[in-house]
Amino acid sequence: MLSIFIGSSETEWECTSSKCYRFDGRTLKWQDAHDFCPTLGPITTVAGERTPTLLFAGTEEGSQLAILKALFRSVYVPVVWINCNEMETEGLYMCDVGGTEAVQINSTSKNWESGYPSGNGNEKCVLMTEQYKWRGSGCNHDLLSICQIVL
């Protein structure tokens, strides 16, 4: 585990060569989780200052999954919020993959759990299961979250 000093406090992050992760043990609504992560920074890295964001992860991030699995197991966590939503346009999921810009995610992506996205107009936010699959969800559920820093 890497210790990163932020101001006068120490925060524990789990890091790989490309990202660092921090599990937040509180349950929050999607917007609250999204707004919380940037309050942990900015953080100075070898690549410059980075602002933490809500987790973005998909099944293709194989090198990251071992750390995510450890975070999921540290406290039983069946699902966490990820940095994707369709708040602006129905059926158009936008994901902030690195804290710099939102990109459109195809509804046929292999990251979606079978049956998702469902087309239910109430599922504006996206969560990730412990199998690293995405599901649409109502944004007002109280779920755990993981913050990330892209290095």
Protein backbone atom coordinates (compact mmCIF):
# COMPACT_ATOMS: atom_id res chain seq x y z
CA MET A 1 0.00 0.00 0.00
CA LEU A 2 1.28 3.44 -0.91
CA SER A 3 0.94 6.31 1.53
CA ILE A 4 0.20 9.60 -0.14
CA PHE A 5 0.38 12.75 1.97
CA ILE A 6 -2.34 15.30 1.27
CA GLY A 7 -1.81 18.52 3.16
CA SER A 8 -1.35 17.53 6.78
CA SER A 9 -3.19 14.20 6.60
CA GLU A 10 -2.19 10.78 5.35
CA THR A 11 -4.55 8.81 3.13
CA GLU A 12 -4.06 5.21 2.11
CA TRP A 13 -4.18 4.42 -1.61
CA GLU A 14 -3.64 1.12 -3.42
CA CYS A 15 -1.60 1.73 -6.57
CA THR A 16 -0.59 0.07 -9.81
CA SER A 17 1.66 1.60 -12.45
CA SER A 18 -1.27 3.49 -14.00
CA LYS A 19 -3.84 4.18 -11.24
CA CYS A 20 -4.27 4.52 -7.50
CA TYR A 21 -7.48 3.56 -5.69
CA ARG A 22 -9.01 4.52 -2.35
CA PHE A 23 -12.06 2.79 -0.92
CA ASP A 24 -14.59 5.05 0.79
CA GLY A 25 -16.44 3.08 3.47
CA ARG A 26 -19.48 5.36 3.55
CA THR A 27 -22.63 4.73 1.54
CA LEU A 28 -23.50 7.67 -0.67
CA LYS A 29 -25.84 8.57 -3.49
CA TRP A 30 -24.13 8.74 -6.91
CA GLN A 31 -23.83 12.55 -7.00
CA ASP A 32 -22.45 12.67 -3.45
CA ALA A 33 -19.87 9.96 -4.27
CA HIS A 34 -18.96 11.79 -7.50
CA ASP A 35 -18.51 15.07 -5.59
CA PHE A 36 -16.57 13.50 -2.68
CA CYS A 37 -13.58 12.12 -4.59
CA PRO A 38 -12.19 15.49 -5.77
CA THR A 39 -12.13 16.68 -2.14
CA LEU A 40 -9.24 14.26 -1.54
CA GLY A 41 -6.89 16.24 -3.76
CA PRO A 42 -5.24 17.60 -5.69
CA ILE A 43 -2.44 15.08 -5.34
CA THR A 44 1.05 15.59 -6.75
CA THR A 45 2.34 12.61 -8.74
CA VAL A 46 5.38 12.11 -10.96
CA ALA A 47 3.09 12.99 -13.88
CA GLY A 48 1.97 16.24 -12.23
CA GLU A 49 -1.01 17.25 -10.12
CA ARG A 50 -4.00 14.94 -10.30
CA THR A 51 -7.49 15.35 -8.89
CA PRO A 52 -9.13 12.15 -7.63
CA THR A 53 -12.33 11.08 -9.38
CA LEU A 54 -14.97 8.45 -8.87
CA LEU A 55 -13.84 5.04 -10.11
CA PHE A 56 -14.01 4.13 -13.77
CA ALA A 57 -13.14 0.51 -14.50
CA GLY A 58 -14.12 -2.07 -17.06
CA THR A 59 -13.34 -5.71 -17.65
CA GLU A 60 -10.46 -4.82 -20.00
CA GLU A 61 -8.46 -3.34 -17.12
CA GLY A 62 -7.07 -6.73 -16.16
CA SER A 63 -3.94 -5.36 -14.51
CA GLN A 64 -6.07 -3.28 -12.15
CA LEU A 65 -8.54 -6.01 -11.20
CA ALA A 66 -6.39 -7.65 -8.51
CA ILE A 67 -6.30 -4.42 -6.51
CA LEU A 68 -10.00 -3.82 -7.06
CA LYS A 69 -10.73 -7.37 -5.94
CA ALA A 70 -8.74 -6.77 -2.74
CA LEU A 71 -10.71 -3.57 -2.11
CA PHE A 72 -13.99 -5.41 -2.71
CA ARG A 73 -12.95 -8.14 -0.27
CA SER A 74 -11.64 -5.79 2.45
CA VAL A 75 -15.27 -5.12 3.30
CA TYR A 76 -17.95 -7.19 1.59
CA VAL A 77 -18.90 -4.92 -1.27
CA PRO A 78 -21.28 -6.35 -3.86
CA VAL A 79 -21.48 -3.14 -5.93
CA VAL A 80 -19.87 0.32 -6.13
CA TRP A 81 -20.65 3.45 -8.10
CA ILE A 82 -18.58 4.19 -11.20
CA ASN A 83 -18.08 7.48 -13.01
CA CYS A 84 -20.75 6.94 -15.69
CA ASN A 85 -24.27 8.28 -16.14
CA GLU A 86 -26.91 9.09 -18.72
CA MET A 87 -28.25 12.22 -17.06
CA GLU A 88 -28.05 14.44 -20.13
CA THR A 89 -29.52 12.22 -22.87
CA GLU A 90 -31.62 9.06 -22.44
CA GLY A 91 -29.68 6.05 -23.77
CA LEU A 92 -26.39 7.97 -24.07
CA TYR A 93 -24.01 6.88 -21.31
CA MET A 94 -21.12 9.23 -20.67
CA CYS A 95 -18.15 8.12 -18.56
CA ASP A 96 -15.32 10.19 -17.16
CA VAL A 97 -12.48 7.71 -17.53
CA GLY A 98 -9.63 9.80 -16.20
CA GLY A 99 -10.91 12.99 -14.67
CA THR A 100 -10.34 15.08 -17.77
CA GLU A 101 -13.24 14.50 -20.14
CA ALA A 102 -16.35 12.39 -20.57
CA VAL A 103 -16.50 9.80 -23.34
CA GLN A 104 -19.53 8.02 -24.73
CA ILE A 105 -19.80 4.34 -23.84
CA ASN A 106 -21.54 2.05 -26.30
CA SER A 107 -24.60 0.25 -24.95
CA THR A 108 -23.21 -2.96 -26.51
CA SER A 109 -19.93 -2.78 -24.57
CA LYS A 110 -18.82 -6.09 -23.08
CA ASN A 111 -18.62 -4.33 -19.70
CA TRP A 112 -22.42 -4.33 -19.31
CA GLU A 113 -24.00 -7.14 -17.31
CA SER A 114 -26.44 -9.23 -19.35
CA GLY A 115 -29.73 -7.35 -19.69
CA TYR A 116 -28.14 -3.91 -19.22
CA PRO A 117 -28.53 -1.19 -20.07
CA SER A 118 -32.19 -2.03 -19.66
CA GLY A 119 -33.72 1.09 -21.18
CA ASN A 120 -35.50 1.82 -17.90
CA GLY A 121 -35.70 5.60 -17.75
CA ASN A 122 -34.99 5.58 -14.00
CA GLU A 123 -31.49 4.05 -14.35
CA LYS A 124 -29.46 7.21 -14.92
CA CYS A 125 -26.32 6.17 -13.01
CA VAL A 126 -24.02 3.17 -13.34
CA LEU A 127 -22.68 0.78 -10.73
CA MET A 128 -20.11 -1.99 -11.02
CA THR A 129 -20.61 -5.46 -9.55
CA GLU A 130 -17.92 -7.54 -7.88
CA GLN A 131 -17.67 -9.40 -11.21
CA TYR A 132 -16.63 -6.03 -12.78
CA LYS A 133 -19.82 -5.81 -14.84
CA TRP A 134 -21.85 -2.62 -15.15
CA ARG A 135 -25.54 -2.11 -14.35
CA GLY A 136 -27.78 0.91 -14.76
CA SER A 137 -29.25 2.06 -11.46
CA GLY A 138 -31.28 4.82 -9.90
CA CYS A 139 -28.91 7.52 -8.66
CA ASN A 140 -30.51 7.85 -5.20
CA HIS A 141 -29.41 4.46 -3.89
CA ASP A 142 -26.84 4.61 -1.10
CA LEU A 143 -23.82 2.60 -2.30
CA LEU A 144 -20.13 2.40 -1.50
CA SER A 145 -17.57 4.00 -3.78
CA ILE A 146 -13.93 3.87 -4.80
CA CYS A 147 -11.97 6.97 -5.77
CA GLN A 148 -9.15 6.82 -8.30
CA ILE A 149 -6.17 8.83 -9.47
CA VAL A 150 -4.96 8.27 -13.01
CA LEU A 151 -1.16 8.46 -12.96
